[in-house]
Protein backbone atom coordinates (compact mmCIF):
# COMPACT_ATOMS: atom_id res chain seq x y z
CA MET A 1 62.65 166.29 149.61
CA ILE A 2 65.28 163.97 151.04
CA PRO A 3 64.84 160.33 150.03
CA LYS A 4 64.47 158.02 152.99
CA GLU A 5 67.43 155.95 154.08
CA PRO A 6 68.36 153.69 151.17
CA LYS A 7 67.95 149.96 151.45
CA LEU A 8 71.31 148.68 150.36
CA GLU A 9 70.10 145.39 148.95
CA PRO A 10 72.15 143.41 146.42
CA GLN A 11 69.90 144.41 143.50
CA SER A 12 70.22 148.15 144.28
CA LEU A 13 73.89 148.38 145.27
CA THR A 14 75.12 149.76 141.93
CA LYS A 15 72.51 152.54 141.94
CA HIS A 16 73.35 153.64 145.49
CA PHE A 17 77.07 153.17 144.90
CA ASN A 18 76.99 155.55 141.92
CA GLU A 19 74.88 158.08 143.83
CA ALA A 20 77.33 157.99 146.75
CA LEU A 21 80.32 158.56 144.45
CA ILE A 22 78.67 161.48 142.66
CA LEU A 23 77.27 163.18 145.75
CA SER A 24 80.56 162.73 147.58
CA ALA A 25 82.50 164.33 144.71
CA LEU A 26 80.06 167.24 144.67
CA GLY A 27 80.45 167.50 148.44
CA ARG A 28 83.98 168.74 147.74
CA GLY A 29 82.62 171.55 145.58
CA PRO A 30 80.59 172.33 142.44
CA LYS A 31 81.68 170.63 139.21
CA HIS A 32 80.72 170.21 135.59
CA GLY A 33 79.75 166.67 134.60
CA TYR A 34 83.07 165.97 132.87
CA GLN A 35 85.01 167.37 135.85
CA LEU A 36 82.95 165.17 138.12
CA ALA A 37 83.80 162.03 136.16
CA LEU A 38 87.51 162.94 136.12
CA ASP A 39 87.50 163.67 139.86
CA ILE A 40 85.96 160.29 140.69
CA GLU A 41 88.32 158.46 138.36
CA GLU A 42 91.38 160.26 139.75
CA ARG A 43 90.43 159.88 143.42
CA SER A 44 89.67 156.17 142.91
CA GLU A 45 93.01 155.66 141.12
CA GLY A 46 91.14 154.60 137.99
CA ARG A 47 88.93 151.99 139.67
CA PHE A 48 85.65 153.89 139.13
CA VAL A 49 85.02 155.31 135.69
CA PHE A 50 81.79 156.92 134.52
CA LYS A 51 80.78 156.94 130.89
CA HIS A 52 78.54 159.75 129.62
CA GLY A 53 75.67 157.30 129.11
CA THR A 54 75.79 156.39 132.79
CA LEU A 55 76.73 159.69 134.45
CA TYR A 56 74.25 162.13 132.94
CA PRO A 57 71.07 160.13 133.58
CA ILE A 58 72.13 159.84 137.22
CA LEU A 59 72.80 163.58 137.41
CA HIS A 60 69.39 164.34 135.88
CA LYS A 61 67.69 162.00 138.37
CA LEU A 62 69.50 163.53 141.35
CA GLU A 63 68.59 167.00 140.09
CA LYS A 64 64.94 166.02 139.68
CA GLN A 65 64.96 164.69 143.27
CA GLY A 66 66.31 168.04 144.50
CA LEU A 67 69.56 166.56 145.80
CA ILE A 68 71.70 168.57 143.39
CA GLU A 69 71.11 171.66 141.34
CA GLY A 70 72.63 172.61 138.04
CA ALA A 71 73.22 175.98 136.47
CA TRP A 72 74.24 176.63 132.88
CA SER A 73 77.34 178.69 132.26
CA ASP A 74 78.85 180.04 129.06
CA GLU A 75 82.37 178.68 128.76
CA GLY A 76 83.41 180.64 125.67
CA GLN A 77 84.79 178.27 123.04
CA ARG A 78 83.59 175.28 125.02
CA GLY A 79 80.00 176.45 124.75
CA ARG A 80 77.43 176.10 127.49
CA ARG A 81 78.16 173.70 130.31
CA LYS A 82 76.11 172.75 133.31
CA ARG A 83 77.75 173.06 136.72
CA TYR A 84 76.28 170.93 139.51
CA GLN A 85 76.32 171.43 143.26
CA LEU A 86 74.75 169.78 146.28
CA THR A 87 71.58 171.22 147.77
CA LYS A 88 70.92 171.19 151.52
CA ASP A 89 68.85 168.05 151.01
CA GLY A 90 71.71 166.56 149.00
CA LYS A 91 74.14 167.18 151.85
CA ARG A 92 71.80 165.49 154.33
CA TYR A 93 71.21 162.55 151.97
CA LEU A 94 74.97 162.14 151.43
CA LYS A 95 75.41 161.87 155.20
CA THR A 96 72.71 159.17 155.26
CA LEU A 97 74.36 157.31 152.36
CA ARG A 98 77.74 157.36 154.09
CA SER A 99 76.21 155.91 157.23
CA SER A 100 74.34 153.23 155.28
CA TRP A 101 77.47 152.20 153.36
CA LYS A 102 79.55 152.06 156.53
CA SER A 103 76.95 149.85 158.19
CA LEU A 104 76.73 147.61 155.11
CA GLN A 105 80.50 147.25 155.01
CA GLN A 106 80.61 146.25 158.67
CA ARG A 107 77.82 143.68 158.23
CA PHE A 108 79.41 142.32 155.05
CA PHE A 109 82.81 141.75 156.68
CA ALA A 110 81.16 140.28 159.76
CA LEU A 111 79.46 137.81 157.43
CA ILE A 112 82.42 136.84 155.27
CA GLY A 113 85.10 137.37 157.90
CA GLU A 114 88.26 139.43 157.79
CA GLU A 115 91.81 138.22 157.56
C-alpha cells in the first residue's frame, strides 16, 4: 500500500528527507544496507551520512510498509547480508516524494527569497 502524499511539515522533514534519500538510492538499483549508506554519502559528497542506528530502523519501516523488499544472500566470508530493492509501490511513492520536495523547495525559496 502506497502511503498518501507526505505532509512536509517542519516536525516531519527529517523523516521524509531520510526516506527520500534511501528510496532514491534504491531507485538506482538494489543494494545492501552498507552499500546504500556509502552510495548516499558518496553522491552527497559527504554531506549526508547514515549511521547503522539510523539507517536500519528506516529500512525495516520501509520494508514493513511494502515500499522496499529485502532478500537475504550468503556472501561467503561476509556472512548473510540483506539486499534491498524498491517495490512497485516504492517507485510510485518515490515519485510522490520527489514532487513534494520540489514543491516544498519552491515554496521555501519564495518565502525567504533568492539572491
